[in-house]
Amino acid sequence: MRDAQFLAEQFEANRAHLQAVAYRMLGSRAEAEDAVQEAWLRLCRGTPDSLENLTGWLTTVVGRVCLDQLRTRKRRREEPIGAEAEALPADADPERDIAMADAIGTAMLAVLDMLSPQERVAFILHDMFNLSFEDISGIIDRSSEAARQLASRARRRVRGQAGHSEAHRLRNREIVDAFLTASRGGDLSGLLAILDPDIVLRADAAAIAASAARADQGAPAFRTPTLHGREPIAKLFLGRAQGAQPAWVDGGPGLVVPIGGQPIAVFRFKTKNGVIAEIDVTCNVQTIEAMKLEY
């Protein structure tokens, strides 16, 4: 068994790279953090003493965890993850990875959502993180040639939709603006109209704590990490968001609540078929500092 302190230091050195990989696959920082945490838990359970490429091993684990989540998201039968590969060549550069991840823009997430889980994993790992198809084949349990074909098919679909991405981005901004107007105005019908029936809201631990501390200031009451359904979420925001400001969050539409010019809460939105399907709320200082916010 390797020295625990050494493994912890190596994991922290790889965290930015792993976070970038998971975020591009899942499109949610909260889910990406969960995937990276799962990689840490598996690392704590032990790795082969002969393992030479820890970055590759961790990338493999995160890739398979994300693939499993994407399959679950598509409501497909969950497949066993299996044993992680003992080695996966990877030329990790955290700064390059984050810049590359940001470059695609949140507006492209809607395009990526149209891909199958295996297409999405093959495309992102090869085109954005420069992994070979041989390496990717071990993650998706397909041959190298099949991985190449999946990435090629995904690339054609992404390019075909790229021309629509800016219009999609602006339309999403309009949807979030309508949400903000309805929330501030106490317009329940307006909120219900702009939310998907199966909408899910996710709030991190810091957001839950902050909502309780600022309840008397009109903060939404986040009592659990997740909340499902259009009606309870609409009621949660009814008459709220008075201090929120529209912003681009990592290239996509969002809301920011500032105090003294500093953001203390960030809301990220994902849309589907012209309505809001997901809302991610964070008050975690480190998470917010890592976000690209444009007002």
C-alpha atoms as a PDB file:
ATOM      1  CA  MET A   1       0.000   0.000   0.000  1.00  0.00           C
ATOM      2  CA  ARG A   2       1.332   3.408  -0.901  1.00  0.00           C
ATOM      3  CA  ASP A   3       1.987   6.122   1.653  1.00  0.00           C
ATOM      4  CA  ALA A   4      -1.304   7.889   2.442  1.00  0.00           C
ATOM      5  CA  GLN A   5       0.225  11.364   2.548  1.00  0.00           C
ATOM      6  CA  PHE A   6       1.886  10.832  -0.832  1.00  0.00           C
ATOM      7  CA  LEU A   7      -1.414   9.737  -2.392  1.00  0.00           C
ATOM      8  CA  ALA A   8      -3.241  12.724  -0.891  1.00  0.00           C
ATOM      9  CA  GLU A   9      -0.635  15.119  -2.284  1.00  0.00           C
ATOM     10  CA  GLN A  10      -0.780  13.500  -5.719  1.00  0.00           C
ATOM     11  CA  PHE A  11      -4.564  13.601  -5.730  1.00  0.00           C
ATOM     12  CA  GLU A  12      -4.609  17.323  -4.896  1.00  0.00           C
ATOM     13  CA  ALA A  13      -2.082  17.919  -7.673  1.00  0.00           C
ATOM     14  CA  ASN A  14      -4.505  16.240 -10.097  1.00  0.00           C
ATOM     15  CA  ARG A  15      -7.751  17.727  -8.745  1.00  0.00           C
ATOM     16  CA  ALA A  16      -7.996  20.600 -11.258  1.00  0.00           C
ATOM     17  CA  HIS A  17      -7.467  18.213 -14.170  1.00  0.00           C
ATOM     18  CA  LEU A  18     -10.053  15.744 -12.853  1.00  0.00           C
ATOM     19  CA  GLN A  19     -12.550  18.528 -12.143  1.00  0.00           C
ATOM     20  CA  ALA A  20     -12.164  19.835 -15.697  1.00  0.00           C
ATOM     21  CA  VAL A  21     -12.718  16.354 -17.153  1.00  0.00           C
ATOM     22  CA  ALA A  22     -15.791  15.648 -15.016  1.00  0.00           C
ATOM     23  CA  TYR A  23     -17.339  19.078 -15.555  1.00  0.00           C
ATOM     24  CA  ARG A  24     -17.119  18.816 -19.335  1.00  0.00           C
ATOM     25  CA  MET A  25     -18.682  15.357 -19.262  1.00  0.00           C
ATOM     26  CA  LEU A  26     -21.500  16.150 -16.849  1.00  0.00           C
ATOM     27  CA  GLY A  27     -22.094  19.884 -17.283  1.00  0.00           C
ATOM     28  CA  SER A  28     -22.681  20.334 -13.566  1.00  0.00           C
ATOM     29  CA  ARG A  29     -20.052  21.454 -11.082  1.00  0.00           C
ATOM     30  CA  ALA A  30     -21.880  19.734  -8.232  1.00  0.00           C
ATOM     31  CA  GLU A  31     -21.978  16.406 -10.090  1.00  0.00           C
ATOM     32  CA  ALA A  32     -18.383  16.892 -11.221  1.00  0.00           C
ATOM     33  CA  GLU A  33     -17.280  17.388  -7.624  1.00  0.00           C
ATOM     34  CA  ASP A  34     -19.138  14.203  -6.662  1.00  0.00           C
ATOM     35  CA  ALA A  35     -17.347  12.279  -9.413  1.00  0.00           C
ATOM     36  CA  VAL A  36     -13.950  13.582  -8.298  1.00  0.00           C
ATOM     37  CA  GLN A  37     -14.783  12.725  -4.685  1.00  0.00           C
ATOM     38  CA  GLU A  38     -15.664   9.183  -5.776  1.00  0.00           C
ATOM     39  CA  ALA A  39     -12.246   8.935  -7.409  1.00  0.00           C
ATOM     40  CA  TRP A  40     -10.661   9.971  -4.107  1.00  0.00           C
ATOM     41  CA  LEU A  41     -12.644   7.329  -2.204  1.00  0.00           C
ATOM     42  CA  ARG A  42     -11.496   4.648  -4.635  1.00  0.00           C
ATOM     43  CA  LEU A  43      -7.944   5.852  -4.309  1.00  0.00           C
ATOM     44  CA  CYS A  44      -8.227   5.507  -0.525  1.00  0.00           C
ATOM     45  CA  ARG A  45      -9.263   1.887  -0.953  1.00  0.00           C
ATOM     46  CA  GLY A  46      -5.914   1.174  -2.504  1.00  0.00           C
ATOM     47  CA  THR A  47      -4.046   1.067  -5.810  1.00  0.00           C
ATOM     48  CA  PRO A  48      -1.637  -1.510  -7.194  1.00  0.00           C
ATOM     49  CA  ASP A  49       1.922  -0.971  -5.953  1.00  0.00           C
ATOM     50  CA  SER A  50       3.095  -1.341  -9.563  1.00  0.00           C
ATOM     51  CA  LEU A  51       0.951   1.575 -10.732  1.00  0.00           C
ATOM     52  CA  GLU A  52       3.232   4.135 -12.403  1.00  0.00           C
ATOM     53  CA  ASN A  53       0.706   6.586 -13.857  1.00  0.00           C
ATOM     54  CA  LEU A  54      -1.569   7.807 -11.081  1.00  0.00           C
ATOM     55  CA  THR A  55      -2.977  10.624 -13.234  1.00  0.00           C
ATOM     56  CA  GLY A  56      -4.040   8.092 -15.828  1.00  0.00           C
ATOM     57  CA  TRP A  57      -5.599   5.816 -13.230  1.00  0.00           C
ATOM     58  CA  LEU A  58      -7.578   8.709 -11.715  1.00  0.00           C
ATOM     59  CA  THR A  59      -8.685   9.900 -15.161  1.00  0.00           C
ATOM     60  CA  THR A  60      -9.933   6.395 -15.903  1.00  0.00           C
ATOM     61  CA  VAL A  61     -11.904   6.280 -12.663  1.00  0.00           C
ATOM     62  CA  VAL A  62     -13.479   9.697 -13.216  1.00  0.00           C
ATOM     63  CA  GLY A  63     -14.289   8.821 -16.819  1.00  0.00           C
ATOM     64  CA  ARG A  64     -16.093   5.647 -15.817  1.00  0.00           C
ATOM     65  CA  VAL A  65     -17.953   7.320 -12.953  1.00  0.00           C
ATOM     66  CA  CYS A  66     -19.132  10.043 -15.347  1.00  0.00           C
ATOM     67  CA  LEU A  67     -20.126   7.496 -17.969  1.00  0.00           C
ATOM     68  CA  ASP A  68     -22.211   5.703 -15.368  1.00  0.00           C
ATOM     69  CA  GLN A  69     -23.911   8.962 -14.378  1.00  0.00           C
ATOM     70  CA  LEU A  70     -24.638   9.816 -18.013  1.00  0.00           C
ATOM     71  CA  ARG A  71     -26.180   6.399 -18.560  1.00  0.00           C
ATOM     72  CA  THR A  72     -28.351   6.853 -15.477  1.00  0.00           C
ATOM     73  CA  ARG A  73     -29.329  10.304 -16.701  1.00  0.00           C
ATOM     74  CA  LYS A  74     -30.469   8.782 -19.986  1.00  0.00           C
ATOM     75  CA  ARG A  75     -32.481   6.226 -17.988  1.00  0.00           C
ATOM     76  CA  ARG A  76     -30.577   3.352 -19.397  1.00  0.00           C
ATOM     77  CA  ARG A  77     -29.810   0.202 -17.504  1.00  0.00           C
ATOM     78  CA  GLU A  78     -26.768   0.814 -15.308  1.00  0.00           C
ATOM     79  CA  GLU A  79     -23.749  -1.196 -16.317  1.00  0.00           C
ATOM     80  CA  PRO A  80     -21.060  -2.309 -13.856  1.00  0.00           C
ATOM     81  CA  ILE A  81     -18.024  -0.090 -13.816  1.00  0.00           C
ATOM     82  CA  GLY A  82     -15.632  -2.963 -13.311  1.00  0.00           C
ATOM     83  CA  ALA A  83     -12.007  -2.794 -12.247  1.00  0.00           C
ATOM     84  CA  GLU A  84     -10.114   0.373 -13.110  1.00  0.00           C
ATOM     85  CA  ALA A  85      -7.284   0.179 -15.609  1.00  0.00           C
ATOM     86  CA  GLU A  86      -3.899   0.032 -13.996  1.00  0.00           C
ATOM     87  CA  ALA A  87      -2.401   2.572 -16.326  1.00  0.00           C
ATOM     88  CA  LEU A  88      -3.638   5.191 -18.772  1.00  0.00           C
ATOM     89  CA  PRO A  89      -1.173   7.472 -20.538  1.00  0.00           C
ATOM     90  CA  ALA A  90      -2.130  11.104 -19.913  1.00  0.00           C
ATOM     91  CA  ASP A  91      -0.271  14.336 -20.459  1.00  0.00           C
ATOM     92  CA  ALA A  92      -2.036  16.325 -17.741  1.00  0.00           C
ATOM     93  CA  ASP A  93      -1.786  20.098 -17.678  1.00  0.00           C
ATOM     94  CA  PRO A  94      -4.447  21.517 -15.292  1.00  0.00           C
ATOM     95  CA  GLU A  95      -4.260  25.068 -16.653  1.00  0.00           C
ATOM     96  CA  ARG A  96      -4.614  23.839 -20.216  1.00  0.00           C
ATOM     97  CA  ASP A  97      -7.448  21.516 -19.231  1.00  0.00           C
ATOM     98  CA  ILE A  98      -9.449  24.274 -17.530  1.00  0.00           C
ATOM     99  CA  ALA A  99      -8.911  26.707 -20.401  1.00  0.00           C
ATOM    100  CA  MET A 100      -9.956  24.063 -22.897  1.00  0.00           C
ATOM    101  CA  ALA A 101     -13.016  23.180 -20.846  1.00  0.00           C
ATOM    102  CA  ASP A 102     -14.074  26.825 -20.581  1.00  0.00           C
ATOM    103  CA  ALA A 103     -13.563  27.392 -24.305  1.00  0.00           C
ATOM    104  CA  ILE A 104     -16.426  25.155 -25.338  1.00  0.00           C
ATOM    105  CA  GLY A 105     -18.897  27.282 -23.353  1.00  0.00           C
ATOM    106  CA  THR A 106     -21.922  26.234 -21.374  1.00  0.00           C
ATOM    107  CA  ALA A 107     -24.111  26.884 -24.411  1.00  0.00           C
ATOM    108  CA  MET A 108     -22.617  23.766 -25.993  1.00  0.00           C
ATOM    109  CA  LEU A 109     -23.868  21.596 -23.139  1.00  0.00           C
ATOM    110  CA  ALA A 110     -27.266  21.408 -24.820  1.00  0.00           C
ATOM    111  CA  VAL A 111     -25.538  20.030 -27.923  1.00  0.00           C
ATOM    112  CA  LEU A 112     -23.534  17.537 -25.863  1.00  0.00           C
ATOM    113  CA  ASP A 113     -26.737  16.397 -24.151  1.00  0.00           C
ATOM    114  CA  MET A 114     -27.935  15.123 -27.537  1.00  0.00           C
ATOM    115  CA  LEU A 115     -25.067  12.654 -27.691  1.00  0.00           C
ATOM    116  CA  SER A 116     -25.205   9.168 -26.279  1.00  0.00           C
ATOM    117  CA  PRO A 117     -23.145   8.661 -23.099  1.00  0.00           C
ATOM    118  CA  GLN A 118     -20.418   6.795 -24.957  1.00  0.00           C
ATOM    119  CA  GLU A 119     -20.311   9.375 -27.758  1.00  0.00           C
ATOM    120  CA  ARG A 120     -20.007  12.177 -25.241  1.00  0.00           C
ATOM    121  CA  VAL A 121     -17.213  10.488 -23.295  1.00  0.00           C
ATOM    122  CA  ALA A 122     -15.250   9.544 -26.432  1.00  0.00           C
ATOM    123  CA  PHE A 123     -15.597  13.030 -27.950  1.00  0.00           C
ATOM    124  CA  ILE A 124     -14.709  14.974 -24.805  1.00  0.00           C
ATOM    125  CA  LEU A 125     -11.768  12.824 -23.754  1.00  0.00           C
ATOM    126  CA  HIS A 126     -10.246  12.746 -27.242  1.00  0.00           C
ATOM    127  CA  ASP A 127     -11.041  16.192 -28.656  1.00  0.00           C
ATOM    128  CA  MET A 128     -10.754  18.199 -25.447  1.00  0.00           C
ATOM    129  CA  PHE A 129      -8.260  16.237 -23.346  1.00  0.00           C
ATOM    130  CA  ASN A 130      -6.193  14.566 -26.076  1.00  0.00           C
ATOM    131  CA  LEU A 131      -6.561  10.995 -24.818  1.00  0.00           C
ATOM    132  CA  SER A 132      -5.889   8.296 -27.387  1.00  0.00           C
ATOM    133  CA  PHE A 133      -8.679   6.051 -28.580  1.00  0.00           C
ATOM    134  CA  GLU A 134      -6.827   3.093 -27.121  1.00  0.00           C
ATOM    135  CA  ASP A 135      -7.022   4.712 -23.689  1.00  0.00           C
ATOM    136  CA  ILE A 136     -10.679   5.656 -24.171  1.00  0.00           C
ATOM    137  CA  SER A 137     -11.610   2.146 -25.238  1.00  0.00           C
ATOM    138  CA  GLY A 138     -10.809   0.886 -21.748  1.00  0.00           C
ATOM    139  CA  ILE A 139     -13.183   3.430 -20.207  1.00  0.00           C
ATOM    140  CA  ILE A 140     -16.189   2.785 -22.459  1.00  0.00           C
ATOM    141  CA  ASP A 141     -15.543  -0.964 -22.822  1.00  0.00           C
ATOM    142  CA  ARG A 142     -15.399  -0.796 -26.606  1.00  0.00           C
ATOM    143  CA  SER A 143     -12.630  -1.358 -29.140  1.00  0.00           C
ATOM    144  CA  SER A 144     -10.291   1.444 -30.160  1.00  0.00           C
ATOM    145  CA  GLU A 145     -11.915   1.596 -33.576  1.00  0.00           C
ATOM    146  CA  ALA A 146     -15.377   1.793 -32.030  1.00  0.00           C
ATOM    147  CA  ALA A 147     -14.177   4.637 -29.794  1.00  0.00           C
ATOM    148  CA  ARG A 148     -12.852   6.437 -32.876  1.00  0.00           C
ATOM    149  CA  GLN A 149     -16.178   6.044 -34.668  1.00  0.00           C
ATOM    150  CA  LEU A 150     -18.131   7.258 -31.644  1.00  0.00           C
ATOM    151  CA  ALA A 151     -15.975  10.386 -31.381  1.00  0.00           C
ATOM    152  CA  SER A 152     -16.229  11.019 -35.121  1.00  0.00           C
ATOM    153  CA  ARG A 153     -20.017  10.726 -35.058  1.00  0.00           C
ATOM    154  CA  ALA A 154     -20.203  13.030 -32.041  1.00  0.00           C
ATOM    155  CA  ARG A 155     -17.909  15.545 -33.742  1.00  0.00           C
ATOM    156  CA  ARG A 156     -20.149  15.714 -36.804  1.00  0.00           C
ATOM    157  CA  ARG A 157     -23.216  16.284 -34.637  1.00  0.00           C
ATOM    158  CA  VAL A 158     -21.498  18.980 -32.585  1.00  0.00           C
ATOM    159  CA  ARG A 159     -20.247  20.791 -35.700  1.00  0.00           C
ATOM    160  CA  GLY A 160     -23.715  20.590 -37.221  1.00  0.00           C
ATOM    161  CA  GLN A 161     -25.170  22.329 -34.195  1.00  0.00           C
ATOM    162  CA  ALA A 162     -22.375  24.828 -33.584  1.00  0.00           C
ATOM    163  CA  GLY A 163     -24.011  27.480 -35.754  1.00  0.00           C
ATOM    164  CA  HIS A 164     -27.061  27.411 -33.526  1.00  0.00           C
ATOM    165  CA  SER A 165     -25.152  27.669 -30.236  1.00  0.00           C
ATOM    166  CA  GLU A 166     -25.122  31.469 -29.967  1.00  0.00           C
ATOM    167  CA  ALA A 167     -28.852  31.728 -30.666  1.00  0.00           C
ATOM    168  CA  HIS A 168     -29.421  28.976 -28.117  1.00  0.00           C
ATOM    169  CA  ARG A 169     -27.271  30.874 -25.611  1.00  0.00           C
ATOM    170  CA  LEU A 170     -29.264  34.071 -26.032  1.00  0.00           C
ATOM    171  CA  ARG A 171     -32.564  32.206 -25.829  1.00  0.00           C
ATOM    172  CA  ASN A 172     -31.451  30.680 -22.541  1.00  0.00           C
ATOM    173  CA  ARG A 173     -30.629  34.169 -21.279  1.00  0.00           C
ATOM    174  CA  GLU A 174     -34.194  35.247 -22.104  1.00  0.00           C
ATOM    175  CA  ILE A 175     -35.610  32.240 -20.238  1.00  0.00           C
ATOM    176  CA  VAL A 176     -33.590  33.018 -17.105  1.00  0.00           C
ATOM    177  CA  ASP A 177     -34.542  36.699 -17.346  1.00  0.00           C
ATOM    178  CA  ALA A 178     -38.210  35.651 -17.430  1.00  0.00           C
ATOM    179  CA  PHE A 179     -37.590  33.492 -14.351  1.00  0.00           C
ATOM    180  CA  LEU A 180     -36.031  36.435 -12.520  1.00  0.00           C
ATOM    181  CA  THR A 181     -38.899  38.769 -13.440  1.00  0.00           C
ATOM    182  CA  ALA A 182     -41.545  36.264 -12.323  1.00  0.00           C
ATOM    183  CA  SER A 183     -39.684  35.524  -9.093  1.00  0.00           C
ATOM    184  CA  ARG A 184     -39.284  39.165  -8.134  1.00  0.00           C
ATOM    185  CA  GLY A 185     -42.868  39.980  -9.060  1.00  0.00           C
ATOM    186  CA  GLY A 186     -44.381  37.086  -7.100  1.00  0.00           C
ATOM    187  CA  ASP A 187     -45.875  35.730 -10.334  1.00  0.00           C
ATOM    188  CA  LEU A 188     -46.581  32.072  -9.572  1.00  0.00           C
ATOM    189  CA  SER A 189     -48.163  31.396 -12.974  1.00  0.00           C
ATOM    190  CA  GLY A 190     -45.142  32.926 -14.673  1.00  0.00           C
ATOM    191  CA  LEU A 191     -42.756  30.753 -12.685  1.00  0.00           C
ATOM    192  CA  LEU A 192     -44.735  27.586 -13.354  1.00  0.00           C
ATOM    193  CA  ALA A 193     -44.728  28.360 -17.067  1.00  0.00           C
ATOM    194  CA  ILE A 194     -40.950  28.699 -17.227  1.00  0.00           C
ATOM    195  CA  LEU A 195     -40.083  25.543 -15.203  1.00  0.00           C
ATOM    196  CA  ASP A 196     -39.971  21.969 -16.497  1.00  0.00           C
ATOM    197  CA  PRO A 197     -42.404  19.618 -14.685  1.00  0.00           C
ATOM    198  CA  ASP A 198     -39.453  17.412 -13.659  1.00  0.00           C
ATOM    199  CA  ILE A 199     -37.078  20.240 -12.768  1.00  0.00           C
ATOM    200  CA  VAL A 200     -34.406  19.508 -10.165  1.00  0.00           C
ATOM    201  CA  LEU A 201     -32.713  22.053  -7.921  1.00  0.00           C
ATOM    202  CA  ARG A 202     -29.367  21.286  -6.296  1.00  0.00           C
ATOM    203  CA  ALA A 203     -27.920  23.350  -3.456  1.00  0.00           C
ATOM    204  CA  ASP A 204     -24.497  22.777  -1.928  1.00  0.00           C
ATOM    205  CA  ALA A 205     -23.926  22.659   1.829  1.00  0.00           C
ATOM    206  CA  ALA A 206     -22.821  26.290   1.909  1.00  0.00           C
ATOM    207  CA  ALA A 207     -26.032  27.384   0.169  1.00  0.00           C
ATOM    208  CA  ILE A 208     -28.171  25.454   2.656  1.00  0.00           C
ATOM    209  CA  ALA A 209     -26.347  27.053   5.586  1.00  0.00           C
ATOM    210  CA  ALA A 210     -26.525  30.544   4.051  1.00  0.00           C
ATOM    211  CA  SER A 211     -30.245  30.282   3.326  1.00  0.00           C
ATOM    212  CA  ALA A 212     -30.937  29.520   6.985  1.00  0.00           C
ATOM    213  CA  ALA A 213     -28.723  32.396   8.148  1.00  0.00           C
ATOM    214  CA  ARG A 214     -30.367  34.868   5.758  1.00  0.00           C
ATOM    215  CA  ALA A 215     -33.969  33.696   6.009  1.00  0.00           C
ATOM    216  CA  ASP A 216     -35.032  37.053   7.476  1.00  0.00           C
ATOM    217  CA  GLN A 217     -33.462  38.789   4.470  1.00  0.00           C
ATOM    218  CA  GLY A 218     -35.646  36.969   1.975  1.00  0.00           C
ATOM    219  CA  ALA A 219     -33.275  34.174   0.972  1.00  0.00           C
ATOM    220  CA  PRO A 220     -34.904  31.034  -0.501  1.00  0.00           C
ATOM    221  CA  ALA A 221     -35.120  28.253   2.084  1.00  0.00           C
ATOM    222  CA  PHE A 222     -32.816  25.487   0.831  1.00  0.00           C
ATOM    223  CA  ARG A 223     -33.379  22.749   3.398  1.00  0.00           C
ATOM    224  CA  THR A 224     -32.127  19.738   1.437  1.00  0.00           C
ATOM    225  CA  PRO A 225     -29.386  19.224  -1.171  1.00  0.00           C
ATOM    226  CA  THR A 226     -31.973  18.465  -3.868  1.00  0.00           C
ATOM    227  CA  LEU A 227     -35.538  19.493  -4.575  1.00  0.00           C
ATOM    228  CA  HIS A 228     -37.683  18.084  -7.374  1.00  0.00           C
ATOM    229  CA  GLY A 229     -40.805  19.298  -9.111  1.00  0.00           C
ATOM    230  CA  ARG A 230     -42.102  22.478 -10.686  1.00  0.00           C
ATOM    231  CA  GLU A 231     -44.578  23.556  -8.009  1.00  0.00           C
ATOM    232  CA  PRO A 232     -42.358  23.332  -4.893  1.00  0.00           C
ATOM    233  CA  ILE A 233     -39.482  25.042  -6.695  1.00  0.00           C
ATOM    234  CA  ALA A 234     -41.759  27.796  -8.023  1.00  0.00           C
ATOM    235  CA  LYS A 235     -43.072  28.437  -4.502  1.00  0.00           C
ATOM    236  CA  LEU A 236     -39.518  28.432  -3.153  1.00  0.00           C
ATOM    237  CA  PHE A 237     -38.597  31.375  -5.388  1.00  0.00           C
ATOM    238  CA  LEU A 238     -41.914  33.225  -5.240  1.00  0.00           C
ATOM    239  CA  GLY A 239     -41.246  36.850  -4.316  1.00  0.00           C
ATOM    240  CA  ARG A 240     -37.513  36.142  -3.965  1.00  0.00           C
ATOM    241  CA  ALA A 241     -34.391  37.043  -5.951  1.00  0.00           C
ATOM    242  CA  GLN A 242     -34.696  40.735  -5.119  1.00  0.00           C
ATOM    243  CA  GLY A 243     -30.929  41.118  -4.812  1.00  0.00           C
ATOM    244  CA  ALA A 244     -29.991  38.791  -7.677  1.00  0.00           C
ATOM    245  CA  GLN A 245     -28.293  40.093 -10.802  1.00  0.00           C
ATOM    246  CA  PRO A 246     -28.205  38.455 -14.243  1.00  0.00           C
ATOM    247  CA  ALA A 247     -24.777  37.143 -15.177  1.00  0.00           C
ATOM    248  CA  TRP A 248     -23.022  34.768 -17.502  1.00  0.00           C
ATOM    249  CA  VAL A 249     -21.713  31.910 -15.392  1.00  0.00           C
ATOM    250  CA  ASP A 250     -19.025  29.879 -17.150  1.00  0.00           C
ATOM    251  CA  GLY A 251     -20.459  31.132 -20.425  1.00  0.00           C
ATOM    252  CA  GLY A 252     -24.068  30.223 -19.659  1.00  0.00           C
ATOM    253  CA  PRO A 253     -26.972  32.136 -18.147  1.00  0.00           C
ATOM    254  CA  GLY A 254     -27.124  32.496 -14.402  1.00  0.00           C
ATOM    255  CA  LEU A 255     -27.822  34.757 -11.470  1.00  0.00           C
ATOM    256  CA  VAL A 256     -25.415  36.192  -8.922  1.00  0.00           C
ATOM    257  CA  VAL A 257     -26.225  37.570  -5.478  1.00  0.00           C
ATOM    258  CA  PRO A 258     -23.517  40.077  -4.456  1.00  0.00           C
ATOM    259  CA  ILE A 259     -22.725  41.756  -1.157  1.00  0.00           C
ATOM    260  CA  GLY A 260     -20.228  44.600  -1.190  1.00  0.00           C
ATOM    261  CA  GLY A 261     -19.466  43.853  -4.806  1.00  0.00           C
ATOM    262  CA  GLN A 262     -18.503  40.237  -4.068  1.00  0.00           C
ATOM    263  CA  PRO A 263     -20.669  37.296  -5.194  1.00  0.00           C
ATOM    264  CA  ILE A 264     -21.932  35.285  -2.225  1.00  0.00           C
ATOM    265  CA  ALA A 265     -24.324  33.023  -4.157  1.00  0.00           C
ATOM    266  CA  VAL A 266     -24.384  31.824  -7.757  1.00  0.00           C
ATOM    267  CA  PHE A 267     -27.298  30.194  -9.591  1.00  0.00           C
ATOM    268  CA  ARG A 268     -26.605  28.187 -12.765  1.00  0.00           C
ATOM    269  CA  PHE A 269     -29.434  27.151 -15.087  1.00  0.00           C
ATOM    270  CA  LYS A 270     -29.885  24.397 -17.657  1.00  0.00           C
ATOM    271  CA  THR A 271     -32.819  24.499 -20.047  1.00  0.00           C
ATOM    272  CA  LYS A 272     -34.671  21.889 -22.046  1.00  0.00           C
ATOM    273  CA  ASN A 273     -37.338  22.507 -24.664  1.00  0.00           C
ATOM    274  CA  GLY A 274     -37.588  26.177 -23.790  1.00  0.00           C
ATOM    275  CA  VAL A 275     -37.981  25.806 -20.026  1.00  0.00           C
ATOM    276  CA  ILE A 276     -35.634  25.529 -17.052  1.00  0.00           C
ATOM    277  CA  ALA A 277     -34.802  21.891 -16.266  1.00  0.00           C
ATOM    278  CA  GLU A 278     -32.024  22.251 -13.670  1.00  0.00           C
ATOM    279  CA  ILE A 279     -30.845  24.869 -11.194  1.00  0.00           C
ATOM    280  CA  ASP A 280     -27.526  24.555  -9.372  1.00  0.00           C
ATOM    281  CA  VAL A 281     -26.963  26.851  -6.395  1.00  0.00           C
ATOM    282  CA  THR A 282     -23.614  27.358  -4.697  1.00  0.00           C
ATOM    283  CA  CYS A 283     -22.378  29.592  -1.912  1.00  0.00           C
ATOM    284  CA  ASN A 284     -19.060  27.796  -1.572  1.00  0.00           C
ATOM    285  CA  VAL A 285     -16.367  30.474  -1.779  1.00  0.00           C
ATOM    286  CA  GLN A 286     -13.777  28.296  -3.519  1.00  0.00           C
ATOM    287  CA  THR A 287     -16.292  27.050  -6.079  1.00  0.00           C
ATOM    288  CA  ILE A 288     -17.424  30.600  -6.866  1.00  0.00           C
ATOM    289  CA  GLU A 289     -13.834  31.821  -7.177  1.00  0.00           C
ATOM    290  CA  ALA A 290     -13.212  29.098  -9.793  1.00  0.00           C
ATOM    291  CA  MET A 291     -16.187  30.237 -11.881  1.00  0.00           C
ATOM    292  CA  LYS A 292     -15.983  32.657 -14.771  1.00  0.00           C
ATOM    293  CA  LEU A 293     -18.543  35.378 -14.015  1.00  0.00           C
ATOM    294  CA  GLU A 294     -19.485  38.080 -16.527  1.00  0.00           C
ATOM    295  CA  TYR A 295     -22.034  40.780 -15.713  1.00  0.00           C
END
